N, C-alpha and C. Protein backbone atom coordinates (compact mmCIF):
# COMPACT_ATOMS: atom_id res chain seq x y z
N ASP A 1 128.20 24.73 78.76
CA ASP A 1 128.43 23.32 78.52
C ASP A 1 128.13 22.54 79.78
N GLU A 2 127.82 21.27 79.62
CA GLU A 2 127.36 20.43 80.73
C GLU A 2 128.37 20.34 81.86
N ALA A 3 129.63 20.14 81.51
CA ALA A 3 130.66 20.02 82.54
C ALA A 3 130.77 21.30 83.35
N ALA A 4 130.68 22.44 82.70
CA ALA A 4 130.76 23.73 83.40
C ALA A 4 129.59 23.91 84.35
N ILE A 5 128.40 23.50 83.92
CA ILE A 5 127.22 23.61 84.79
C ILE A 5 127.40 22.75 86.03
N LEU A 6 127.81 21.51 85.82
CA LEU A 6 127.97 20.60 86.96
C LEU A 6 129.13 21.01 87.85
N ASP A 7 130.19 21.58 87.27
CA ASP A 7 131.29 22.11 88.09
C ASP A 7 130.79 23.27 88.94
N LEU A 8 129.92 24.11 88.37
CA LEU A 8 129.33 25.22 89.11
C LEU A 8 128.49 24.71 90.27
N VAL A 9 127.70 23.68 90.02
CA VAL A 9 126.88 23.08 91.08
C VAL A 9 127.78 22.53 92.18
N GLU A 10 128.81 21.80 91.79
CA GLU A 10 129.73 21.22 92.77
C GLU A 10 130.40 22.32 93.59
N GLY A 11 130.85 23.37 92.94
CA GLY A 11 131.49 24.48 93.65
C GLY A 11 130.55 25.17 94.61
N ALA A 12 129.30 25.34 94.20
CA ALA A 12 128.31 25.96 95.07
C ALA A 12 128.08 25.11 96.32
N MET A 13 127.96 23.81 96.12
CA MET A 13 127.73 22.93 97.26
C MET A 13 128.93 22.90 98.19
N GLU A 14 130.12 22.88 97.63
CA GLU A 14 131.34 22.92 98.45
C GLU A 14 131.44 24.23 99.21
N GLY A 15 130.87 25.29 98.64
CA GLY A 15 130.89 26.60 99.27
C GLY A 15 129.80 26.79 100.31
N GLY A 16 128.97 25.78 100.51
CA GLY A 16 127.96 25.85 101.56
C GLY A 16 126.54 26.15 101.08
N ALA A 17 126.30 26.14 99.78
CA ALA A 17 124.95 26.39 99.27
C ALA A 17 124.00 25.29 99.72
N ALA A 18 122.73 25.66 99.86
CA ALA A 18 121.70 24.69 100.23
C ALA A 18 121.06 24.06 99.00
N GLY A 19 121.24 24.69 97.84
CA GLY A 19 120.65 24.19 96.60
C GLY A 19 121.10 25.07 95.46
N ILE A 20 120.46 24.91 94.32
CA ILE A 20 120.84 25.66 93.12
C ILE A 20 119.62 26.13 92.36
N SER A 21 119.83 27.04 91.43
CA SER A 21 118.81 27.46 90.48
C SER A 21 119.51 27.64 89.14
N ILE A 22 119.27 26.71 88.21
CA ILE A 22 119.97 26.78 86.93
C ILE A 22 119.05 27.11 85.76
N GLY A 23 117.77 27.20 85.99
CA GLY A 23 116.79 27.67 85.02
C GLY A 23 116.96 27.18 83.60
N ARG A 24 117.19 28.14 82.68
CA ARG A 24 117.20 27.81 81.25
C ARG A 24 118.30 26.84 80.88
N ASN A 25 119.38 26.77 81.66
CA ASN A 25 120.42 25.78 81.37
C ASN A 25 119.85 24.37 81.44
N ALA A 26 118.87 24.17 82.31
CA ALA A 26 118.23 22.86 82.40
C ALA A 26 117.11 22.73 81.39
N PHE A 27 116.24 23.72 81.33
CA PHE A 27 115.05 23.62 80.48
C PHE A 27 115.38 23.60 78.99
N GLN A 28 116.47 24.22 78.58
CA GLN A 28 116.85 24.24 77.18
C GLN A 28 117.85 23.14 76.81
N HIS A 29 118.22 22.34 77.77
CA HIS A 29 119.17 21.25 77.53
C HIS A 29 118.49 20.16 76.70
N SER A 30 119.25 19.45 75.90
CA SER A 30 118.68 18.39 75.05
C SER A 30 118.12 17.23 75.86
N ALA A 31 118.61 17.04 77.08
CA ALA A 31 118.11 15.99 77.97
C ALA A 31 117.98 16.56 79.39
N PRO A 32 116.99 17.43 79.61
CA PRO A 32 116.88 18.10 80.91
C PRO A 32 116.73 17.15 82.08
N ASP A 33 116.05 16.03 81.87
CA ASP A 33 115.88 15.07 82.96
C ASP A 33 117.22 14.52 83.43
N ARG A 34 118.11 14.23 82.49
CA ARG A 34 119.43 13.70 82.88
C ARG A 34 120.30 14.76 83.52
N LEU A 35 120.21 16.01 83.04
CA LEU A 35 120.99 17.09 83.65
C LEU A 35 120.55 17.32 85.09
N ILE A 36 119.24 17.32 85.33
CA ILE A 36 118.72 17.52 86.68
C ILE A 36 119.11 16.34 87.57
N ARG A 37 119.05 15.13 87.03
CA ARG A 37 119.45 13.96 87.80
C ARG A 37 120.93 14.03 88.17
N ALA A 38 121.76 14.49 87.25
CA ALA A 38 123.19 14.64 87.52
C ALA A 38 123.43 15.69 88.60
N ALA A 39 122.72 16.81 88.52
CA ALA A 39 122.85 17.85 89.55
C ALA A 39 122.38 17.32 90.90
N ALA A 40 121.32 16.53 90.90
CA ALA A 40 120.81 15.97 92.15
C ALA A 40 121.83 15.05 92.82
N LEU A 41 122.60 14.32 92.02
CA LEU A 41 123.65 13.47 92.60
C LEU A 41 124.66 14.31 93.38
N ILE A 42 124.99 15.46 92.83
CA ILE A 42 125.94 16.35 93.49
C ILE A 42 125.32 16.95 94.74
N ILE A 43 124.09 17.44 94.61
CA ILE A 43 123.43 18.14 95.71
C ILE A 43 123.05 17.21 96.85
N HIS A 44 122.38 16.11 96.53
CA HIS A 44 121.81 15.25 97.56
C HIS A 44 122.72 14.11 98.02
N GLU A 45 123.65 13.71 97.16
CA GLU A 45 124.51 12.59 97.52
C GLU A 45 125.97 12.97 97.67
N GLY A 46 126.29 14.24 97.38
CA GLY A 46 127.66 14.70 97.55
C GLY A 46 128.65 14.12 96.56
N ARG A 47 128.16 13.63 95.42
CA ARG A 47 129.04 13.04 94.42
C ARG A 47 129.78 14.14 93.66
N PRO A 48 130.98 13.87 93.17
CA PRO A 48 131.72 14.88 92.39
C PRO A 48 131.10 15.08 91.01
N ALA A 49 131.34 16.24 90.43
CA ALA A 49 130.78 16.58 89.12
C ALA A 49 131.20 15.57 88.05
N GLU A 50 132.44 15.14 88.09
CA GLU A 50 132.92 14.18 87.08
C GLU A 50 132.12 12.89 87.12
N GLU A 51 131.79 12.42 88.30
CA GLU A 51 130.98 11.21 88.42
C GLU A 51 129.55 11.47 87.92
N ALA A 52 129.01 12.62 88.25
CA ALA A 52 127.66 12.97 87.81
C ALA A 52 127.58 13.09 86.29
N MET A 53 128.67 13.46 85.65
CA MET A 53 128.71 13.58 84.19
C MET A 53 128.40 12.25 83.50
N GLU A 54 128.66 11.14 84.17
CA GLU A 54 128.41 9.83 83.58
C GLU A 54 126.95 9.66 83.18
N ILE A 55 126.03 10.28 83.92
CA ILE A 55 124.61 10.21 83.59
C ILE A 55 124.36 10.82 82.22
N LEU A 56 125.07 11.88 81.90
CA LEU A 56 124.86 12.56 80.63
C LEU A 56 125.53 11.84 79.46
N ARG A 57 126.45 10.97 79.76
CA ARG A 57 127.16 10.24 78.71
C ARG A 57 126.44 8.97 78.29
N THR A 58 125.42 8.58 79.04
CA THR A 58 124.71 7.33 78.72
C THR A 58 123.52 7.58 77.84
């Protein structure tokens, strides 16, 4: 589910990861562009997963 993916991204970044690889979770998503944009907010801007979820709700 989307929230779980973004929580995973947030946890990885908090744990010191330099980036992520989510593969089919993104490519098979109904709106892959929005999922990637949400993940980018977490990775590049340090935003929390809950805030990034707003992109997927619009």
